[in-house]
Protein backbone atom coordinates (compact mmCIF):
# COMPACT_ATOMS: atom_id res chain seq x y z
CA UNK A 1 -43.72 -45.39 -169.05
CA UNK A 2 -42.85 -46.63 -165.62
CA UNK A 3 -39.27 -47.65 -164.89
CA UNK A 4 -40.11 -50.71 -162.80
CA UNK A 5 -42.70 -52.10 -165.18
CA UNK A 6 -42.76 -50.99 -168.77
CA UNK A 7 -45.84 -53.19 -169.09
CA UNK A 8 -48.52 -50.55 -168.93
CA UNK A 9 -51.40 -50.41 -171.34
CA UNK A 10 -53.74 -47.58 -172.27
CA UNK A 11 -57.47 -48.13 -172.29
CA UNK A 12 -60.11 -45.54 -173.21
CA UNK A 13 -62.95 -45.55 -170.66
CA UNK A 14 -66.20 -43.65 -170.27
CA UNK A 15 -66.24 -40.63 -168.03
CA UNK A 16 -66.96 -41.25 -164.37
CA UNK A 17 -69.11 -38.14 -163.95
CA UNK A 18 -70.16 -37.59 -167.57
CA UNK A 19 -70.50 -40.83 -169.60
CA UNK A 20 -70.35 -38.86 -172.87
CA UNK A 21 -66.76 -37.81 -172.12
CA UNK A 22 -63.81 -40.12 -172.71
CA UNK A 23 -61.02 -40.69 -170.19
CA UNK A 24 -57.76 -42.53 -170.71
CA UNK A 25 -56.57 -45.16 -168.26
CA UNK A 26 -52.88 -46.09 -168.22
CA UNK A 27 -52.68 -49.23 -166.11
CA UNK A 28 -49.89 -51.49 -164.93
CA UNK A 29 -50.68 -54.90 -166.31
CA UNK A 30 -48.78 -57.07 -163.80
CA UNK A 31 -49.37 -55.46 -160.42
CA UNK A 32 -51.59 -58.07 -158.76
CA UNK A 33 -48.62 -60.32 -157.81
CA UNK A 34 -46.79 -57.39 -156.18
CA UNK A 35 -49.88 -56.43 -154.18
CA UNK A 36 -50.41 -60.03 -153.09
CA UNK A 37 -47.04 -60.00 -151.29
CA UNK A 38 -48.46 -57.54 -148.75
CA UNK A 39 -45.46 -55.24 -149.19
CA UNK A 40 -47.61 -52.36 -150.46
CA UNK A 41 -50.43 -51.98 -147.93
CA UNK A 42 -51.14 -48.29 -148.50
CA UNK A 43 -52.69 -46.47 -151.43
CA UNK A 44 -51.98 -42.85 -152.22
CA UNK A 45 -54.09 -41.01 -154.77
CA UNK A 46 -52.57 -37.86 -156.20
CA UNK A 47 -55.07 -35.79 -158.17
CA UNK A 48 -54.22 -32.84 -160.40
CA UNK A 49 -57.37 -30.87 -161.33
CA UNK A 50 -57.15 -28.66 -164.43
CA UNK A 51 -59.37 -26.63 -166.73
CA UNK A 52 -59.76 -28.97 -169.68
CA UNK A 53 -60.93 -28.47 -173.22
CA UNK A 54 -64.45 -29.35 -174.39
CA UNK A 55 -63.52 -33.04 -174.10
CA UNK A 56 -62.17 -32.63 -170.57
CA UNK A 57 -58.54 -33.12 -171.62
CA UNK A 58 -55.62 -30.90 -170.58
CA UNK A 59 -54.08 -28.31 -172.86
CA UNK A 60 -50.60 -29.21 -174.20
CA UNK A 61 -48.76 -27.09 -171.60
CA UNK A 62 -50.61 -28.72 -168.70
CA UNK A 63 -50.18 -32.18 -170.23
CA UNK A 64 -46.42 -31.59 -170.50
CA UNK A 65 -46.25 -30.40 -166.88
CA UNK A 66 -48.18 -33.48 -165.70
CA UNK A 67 -45.89 -35.74 -167.73
CA UNK A 68 -42.83 -34.05 -166.22
CA UNK A 69 -44.22 -34.42 -162.70
CA UNK A 70 -44.93 -38.08 -163.27
CA UNK A 71 -41.51 -38.82 -164.71
CA UNK A 72 -39.53 -36.85 -162.13
CA UNK A 73 -41.54 -37.52 -158.99
CA UNK A 74 -43.37 -40.80 -159.50
CA UNK A 75 -41.18 -42.77 -161.91
CA UNK A 76 -37.74 -41.53 -160.84
CA UNK A 77 -38.16 -40.79 -157.14
CA UNK A 78 -41.06 -42.74 -155.66
CA UNK A 79 -40.55 -45.93 -157.65
CA UNK A 80 -36.82 -45.89 -157.02
CA UNK A 81 -35.94 -48.71 -154.63
CA UNK A 82 -39.56 -49.87 -154.94
CA UNK A 83 -40.81 -47.49 -152.24
CA UNK A 84 -43.98 -47.18 -154.31
CA UNK A 85 -45.57 -48.60 -157.44
CA UNK A 86 -47.80 -46.69 -159.82
CA UNK A 87 -50.92 -48.82 -160.30
CA UNK A 88 -52.67 -46.59 -162.79
CA UNK A 89 -53.15 -43.10 -164.12
CA UNK A 90 -56.46 -41.69 -165.36
CA UNK A 91 -56.61 -38.54 -167.48
CA UNK A 92 -59.86 -36.85 -168.44
CA UNK A 93 -62.86 -35.02 -167.03
CA UNK A 94 -60.66 -32.09 -166.01
CA UNK A 95 -58.35 -34.09 -163.77
CA UNK A 96 -55.43 -36.47 -163.73
CA UNK A 97 -55.33 -39.14 -161.03
CA UNK A 98 -52.31 -41.24 -160.14
CA UNK A 99 -53.10 -44.27 -157.97
CA UNK A 100 -49.94 -45.41 -156.22
CA UNK A 101 -49.33 -48.21 -153.73
CA UNK A 102 -46.56 -47.74 -151.17
CA UNK A 103 -44.79 -49.55 -148.38
CA UNK A 104 -44.59 -46.60 -146.00
CA UNK A 105 -46.63 -43.37 -145.87
CA UNK A 106 -44.07 -41.19 -143.99
CA UNK A 107 -41.24 -42.25 -146.33
CA UNK A 108 -43.53 -41.68 -149.32
CA UNK A 109 -44.39 -38.18 -148.10
CA UNK A 110 -40.74 -37.33 -147.47
CA UNK A 111 -39.70 -38.54 -150.93
CA UNK A 112 -42.64 -36.74 -152.59
CA UNK A 113 -41.67 -33.46 -150.89
CA UNK A 114 -38.00 -33.88 -151.72
CA UNK A 115 -38.58 -34.81 -155.37
CA UNK A 116 -41.02 -31.97 -156.00
CA UNK A 117 -39.19 -29.29 -154.00
CA UNK A 118 -37.72 -27.60 -157.09
CA UNK A 119 -40.90 -27.87 -159.17
CA UNK A 120 -43.58 -25.18 -159.40
CA UNK A 121 -46.48 -25.38 -156.97
CA UNK A 122 -48.97 -27.61 -158.74
CA UNK A 123 -52.63 -27.87 -157.68
CA UNK A 124 -52.24 -31.36 -156.25
CA UNK A 125 -54.72 -33.08 -153.96
CA UNK A 126 -53.36 -36.04 -152.02
CA UNK A 127 -55.34 -38.75 -150.29
CA UNK A 128 -53.96 -41.85 -148.56
CA UNK A 129 -55.51 -44.89 -146.95
CA UNK A 130 -54.78 -48.50 -146.12
CA UNK A 131 -55.72 -50.78 -149.02
CA UNK A 132 -54.02 -54.12 -148.28
CA UNK A 133 -56.27 -56.00 -150.69
CA UNK A 134 -55.62 -53.63 -153.60
CA UNK A 135 -59.31 -52.82 -153.94
CA UNK A 136 -58.78 -49.65 -155.97
CA UNK A 137 -56.60 -51.54 -158.44
CA UNK A 138 -59.15 -54.34 -158.49
CA UNK A 139 -61.80 -51.92 -159.74
CA UNK A 140 -59.83 -51.11 -162.89
CA UNK A 141 -57.92 -54.38 -163.34
CA UNK A 142 -60.65 -55.98 -165.50
CA UNK A 143 -60.10 -53.21 -168.03
CA UNK A 144 -56.68 -54.68 -168.90
CA UNK A 145 -58.51 -57.37 -170.89
CA UNK A 146 -60.25 -54.61 -172.89
CA UNK A 147 -56.92 -53.42 -174.24
């Protein structure tokens, strides 16, 4: 799990687009206090679409590649020196989404490019916006109690 906070829990949740499909949410349990400091005003969503099995989950090779990306880029590079904090990860419905809060978008982008420069070209989609109140995290935070 995450280097800065090993306190992440996994919660099965219904599919967002297809309620008959299960997704898995890996969420940081103690992020609210960090967000309340105002040090992480920006949210970056990194999405990795994939062709999933009949349940919408990745094949083992893709799952391993996603795990490697997360460990090398998110856990080891972006969370180093607390440039960014992984809020949650959702896997299922043919995509993996990492929701990350950061202090600085340009520094985040530079570190992301540097950390992934020697990796294969993955089909990543990246979206960033200001989210000073942690609204995206707030949407999934109640699910911690379901764990």
